C-alpha atoms as a PDB file:
ATOM      1  CA  UNK A   1      56.189 -18.818  41.439  1.00  0.00           C
ATOM      2  CA  UNK A   2      54.794 -17.952  38.010  1.00  0.00           C
ATOM      3  CA  UNK A   3      56.496 -15.488  35.756  1.00  0.00           C
ATOM      4  CA  UNK A   4      55.144 -11.723  35.079  1.00  0.00           C
ATOM      5  CA  UNK A   5      55.746 -11.959  31.837  1.00  0.00           C
ATOM      6  CA  UNK A   6      53.364 -12.187  29.118  1.00  0.00           C
ATOM      7  CA  UNK A   7      53.810 -14.327  26.433  1.00  0.00           C
ATOM      8  CA  UNK A   8      54.860 -11.620  22.620  1.00  0.00           C
ATOM      9  CA  UNK A   9      51.549 -12.670  20.254  1.00  0.00           C
ATOM     10  CA  UNK A  10      52.744 -14.928  17.776  1.00  0.00           C
ATOM     11  CA  UNK A  11      53.675 -11.917  14.418  1.00  0.00           C
ATOM     12  CA  UNK A  12      55.575 -12.659  11.552  1.00  0.00           C
ATOM     13  CA  UNK A  13      58.805  -9.965  11.385  1.00  0.00           C
ATOM     14  CA  UNK A  14      57.707  -8.614   8.324  1.00  0.00           C
ATOM     15  CA  UNK A  15      54.108  -7.211   9.626  1.00  0.00           C
ATOM     16  CA  UNK A  16      55.607  -5.741  12.887  1.00  0.00           C
ATOM     17  CA  UNK A  17      57.473  -3.894  10.324  1.00  0.00           C
ATOM     18  CA  UNK A  18      54.716  -3.012   7.883  1.00  0.00           C
ATOM     19  CA  UNK A  19      52.623  -2.102  10.318  1.00  0.00           C
ATOM     20  CA  UNK A  20      55.925   0.148  11.213  1.00  0.00           C
ATOM     21  CA  UNK A  21      56.525   2.182   7.812  1.00  0.00           C
ATOM     22  CA  UNK A  22      52.661   2.552   7.819  1.00  0.00           C
ATOM     23  CA  UNK A  23      52.595   4.383  11.054  1.00  0.00           C
ATOM     24  CA  UNK A  24      55.505   6.640   9.801  1.00  0.00           C
ATOM     25  CA  UNK A  25      54.200   7.194   6.887  1.00  0.00           C
ATOM     26  CA  UNK A  26      51.139   8.239   8.327  1.00  0.00           C
ATOM     27  CA  UNK A  27      52.525  10.123  11.139  1.00  0.00           C
ATOM     28  CA  UNK A  28      54.098  12.290   7.938  1.00  0.00           C
ATOM     29  CA  UNK A  29      50.876  12.684   6.021  1.00  0.00           C
ATOM     30  CA  UNK A  30      49.530  13.821   9.375  1.00  0.00           C
ATOM     31  CA  UNK A  31      52.478  16.371   9.836  1.00  0.00           C
ATOM     32  CA  UNK A  32      52.430  17.436   6.197  1.00  0.00           C
ATOM     33  CA  UNK A  33      49.093  18.553   6.968  1.00  0.00           C
ATOM     34  CA  UNK A  34      49.016  20.145  10.494  1.00  0.00           C
ATOM     35  CA  UNK A  35      51.758  22.633   8.043  1.00  0.00           C
ATOM     36  CA  UNK A  36      49.844  22.923   5.412  1.00  0.00           C
ATOM     37  CA  UNK A  37      47.045  24.282   7.799  1.00  0.00           C
ATOM     38  CA  UNK A  38      48.980  26.265   9.375  1.00  0.00           C
ATOM     39  CA  UNK A  39      50.368  28.178   5.806  1.00  0.00           C
ATOM     40  CA  UNK A  40      47.222  28.364   5.695  1.00  0.00           C
ATOM     41  CA  UNK A  41      45.893  30.287   8.014  1.00  0.00           C
ATOM     42  CA  UNK A  42      48.953  32.517   8.056  1.00  0.00           C
ATOM     43  CA  UNK A  43      47.921  33.442   4.802  1.00  0.00           C
ATOM     44  CA  UNK A  44      44.248  34.544   5.279  1.00  0.00           C
ATOM     45  CA  UNK A  45      45.791  36.228   9.247  1.00  0.00           C
ATOM     46  CA  UNK A  46      48.245  38.191   6.382  1.00  0.00           C
ATOM     47  CA  UNK A  47      45.220  39.076   3.450  1.00  0.00           C
ATOM     48  CA  UNK A  48      42.853  39.998   6.853  1.00  0.00           C
ATOM     49  CA  UNK A  49      46.014  42.545   7.914  1.00  0.00           C
ATOM     50  CA  UNK A  50      45.899  44.234   4.511  1.00  0.00           C
ATOM     51  CA  UNK A  51      42.464  44.127   3.940  1.00  0.00           C
ATOM     52  CA  UNK A  52      42.313  46.182   7.417  1.00  0.00           C
ATOM     53  CA  UNK A  53      44.601  48.144   5.831  1.00  0.00           C
ATOM     54  CA  UNK A  54      43.245  49.224   3.051  1.00  0.00           C
ATOM     55  CA  UNK A  55      39.107  50.163   4.774  1.00  0.00           C
ATOM     56  CA  UNK A  56      42.030  51.893   7.262  1.00  0.00           C
ATOM     57  CA  UNK A  57      43.370  54.144   4.810  1.00  0.00           C
ATOM     58  CA  UNK A  58      40.296  54.031   2.931  1.00  0.00           C
ATOM     59  CA  UNK A  59      38.412  55.180   5.650  1.00  0.00           C
ATOM     60  CA  UNK A  60      40.851  58.097   6.510  1.00  0.00           C
ATOM     61  CA  UNK A  61      40.933  59.596   2.543  1.00  0.00           C
ATOM     62  CA  UNK A  62      37.152  59.571   3.313  1.00  0.00           C
ATOM     63  CA  UNK A  63      37.523  61.544   6.922  1.00  0.00           C
ATOM     64  CA  UNK A  64      39.982  64.165   4.908  1.00  0.00           C
ATOM     65  CA  UNK A  65      37.383  64.473   2.305  1.00  0.00           C
ATOM     66  CA  UNK A  66      34.265  65.536   4.525  1.00  0.00           C
ATOM     67  CA  UNK A  67      36.865  67.441   6.387  1.00  0.00           C
ATOM     68  CA  UNK A  68      37.691  69.609   3.798  1.00  0.00           C
ATOM     69  CA  UNK A  69      33.987  69.539   2.696  1.00  0.00           C
ATOM     70  CA  UNK A  70      32.567  70.076   6.183  1.00  0.00           C
ATOM     71  CA  UNK A  71      35.255  73.247   6.375  1.00  0.00           C
ATOM     72  CA  UNK A  72      33.546  74.764   2.146  1.00  0.00           C
ATOM     73  CA  UNK A  73      30.073  74.254   3.114  1.00  0.00           C
ATOM     74  CA  UNK A  74      31.256  76.438   6.572  1.00  0.00           C
ATOM     75  CA  UNK A  75      33.235  79.025   4.283  1.00  0.00           C
ATOM     76  CA  UNK A  76      29.980  79.262   1.866  1.00  0.00           C
ATOM     77  CA  UNK A  77      27.551  80.045   4.719  1.00  0.00           C
ATOM     78  CA  UNK A  78      29.580  82.157   6.402  1.00  0.00           C
ATOM     79  CA  UNK A  79      29.564  84.194   2.988  1.00  0.00           C
ATOM     80  CA  UNK A  80      26.010  83.477   1.889  1.00  0.00           C
ATOM     81  CA  UNK A  81      25.782  84.865   5.866  1.00  0.00           C
ATOM     82  CA  UNK A  82      27.312  88.242   5.086  1.00  0.00           C
ATOM     83  CA  UNK A  83      26.344  88.194   1.416  1.00  0.00           C
ATOM     84  CA  UNK A  84      22.443  88.551   2.991  1.00  0.00           C
ATOM     85  CA  UNK A  85      21.136  87.040  -0.105  1.00  0.00           C
ATOM     86  CA  UNK A  86      18.351  84.074  -0.263  1.00  0.00           C
ATOM     87  CA  UNK A  87      20.601  81.388  -0.994  1.00  0.00           C
ATOM     88  CA  UNK A  88      21.318  81.020   3.172  1.00  0.00           C
ATOM     89  CA  UNK A  89      19.237  78.341   4.025  1.00  0.00           C
ATOM     90  CA  UNK A  90      20.782  76.846   0.754  1.00  0.00           C
ATOM     91  CA  UNK A  91      24.706  77.543   2.069  1.00  0.00           C
ATOM     92  CA  UNK A  92      23.359  75.719   6.091  1.00  0.00           C
ATOM     93  CA  UNK A  93      21.480  73.499   4.644  1.00  0.00           C
ATOM     94  CA  UNK A  94      24.907  72.427   2.732  1.00  0.00           C
ATOM     95  CA  UNK A  95      26.916  72.997   6.425  1.00  0.00           C
ATOM     96  CA  UNK A  96      24.784  70.128   8.246  1.00  0.00           C
ATOM     97  CA  UNK A  97      24.262  67.457   5.355  1.00  0.00           C
ATOM     98  CA  UNK A  98      28.164  67.843   5.136  1.00  0.00           C
ATOM     99  CA  UNK A  99      28.671  68.270   9.169  1.00  0.00           C
ATOM    100  CA  UNK A 100      26.375  64.969   9.240  1.00  0.00           C
ATOM    101  CA  UNK A 101      28.066  63.045   7.152  1.00  0.00           C
ATOM    102  CA  UNK A 102      31.124  64.204   9.237  1.00  0.00           C
ATOM    103  CA  UNK A 103      29.436  62.602  11.850  1.00  0.00           C
ATOM    104  CA  UNK A 104      28.834  59.698  10.340  1.00  0.00           C
ATOM    105  CA  UNK A 105      31.902  58.815   9.074  1.00  0.00           C
ATOM    106  CA  UNK A 106      33.201  58.896  12.847  1.00  0.00           C
ATOM    107  CA  UNK A 107      31.090  57.854  15.191  1.00  0.00           C
ATOM    108  CA  UNK A 108      29.659  55.433  12.467  1.00  0.00           C
ATOM    109  CA  UNK A 109      25.845  56.815  13.084  1.00  0.00           C
ATOM    110  CA  UNK A 110      23.948  59.598  11.501  1.00  0.00           C
ATOM    111  CA  UNK A 111      23.534  62.215  13.823  1.00  0.00           C
ATOM    112  CA  UNK A 112      18.778  62.147  14.358  1.00  0.00           C
ATOM    113  CA  UNK A 113      19.416  65.146  13.220  1.00  0.00           C
ATOM    114  CA  UNK A 114      20.735  64.901  10.368  1.00  0.00           C
ATOM    115  CA  UNK A 115      19.041  65.286   6.429  1.00  0.00           C
ATOM    116  CA  UNK A 116      17.674  62.026   5.331  1.00  0.00           C
ATOM    117  CA  UNK A 117      18.580  62.712   1.471  1.00  0.00           C
ATOM    118  CA  UNK A 118      21.334  64.465  -0.011  1.00  0.00           C
ATOM    119  CA  UNK A 119      19.800  68.447  -1.729  1.00  0.00           C
ATOM    120  CA  UNK A 120      18.909  67.512  -5.432  1.00  0.00           C
ATOM    121  CA  UNK A 121      21.593  69.422  -7.363  1.00  0.00           C
ATOM    122  CA  UNK A 122      21.193  70.847 -10.533  1.00  0.00           C
ATOM    123  CA  UNK A 123      19.664  68.808 -13.721  1.00  0.00           C
ATOM    124  CA  UNK A 124      18.929  66.186 -11.666  1.00  0.00           C
ATOM    125  CA  UNK A 125      15.896  65.001 -12.950  1.00  0.00           C
ATOM    126  CA  UNK A 126      15.458  61.719 -10.073  1.00  0.00           C
ATOM    127  CA  UNK A 127      16.564  58.995 -12.311  1.00  0.00           C
ATOM    128  CA  UNK A 128      19.889  59.222 -11.086  1.00  0.00           C
ATOM    129  CA  UNK A 129      21.842  60.250 -14.578  1.00  0.00           C
ATOM    130  CA  UNK A 130      23.414  63.062 -15.678  1.00  0.00           C
ATOM    131  CA  UNK A 131      22.351  64.774 -17.725  1.00  0.00           C
END
């Protein structure tokens, strides 16, 4: 009956050891690359989390500022209505603008009724530079 064992290929003992060392070195390099990629991924995740937290904090501050501005505009509109002066329309426009800005910050989209431009400030000559 024939033997089931396969004959070994003729290799020198040093070439097998060199192959094993090369494989081990390649495995070490691959492992180091995987670890470096994992460190970079964690670093990116932490940076994204910091950026998201910073954006959320900025948004919260903007919302609080918009709410304060709306409260001031409401108080000014009430005072203008009580006095019955000619500045009722301007106070109502300021209230609409403040309300639209608050809604835009809360929802991400300006309401359909929102004023298209901010009312001009005193001393604004259209060049965008304050006097």
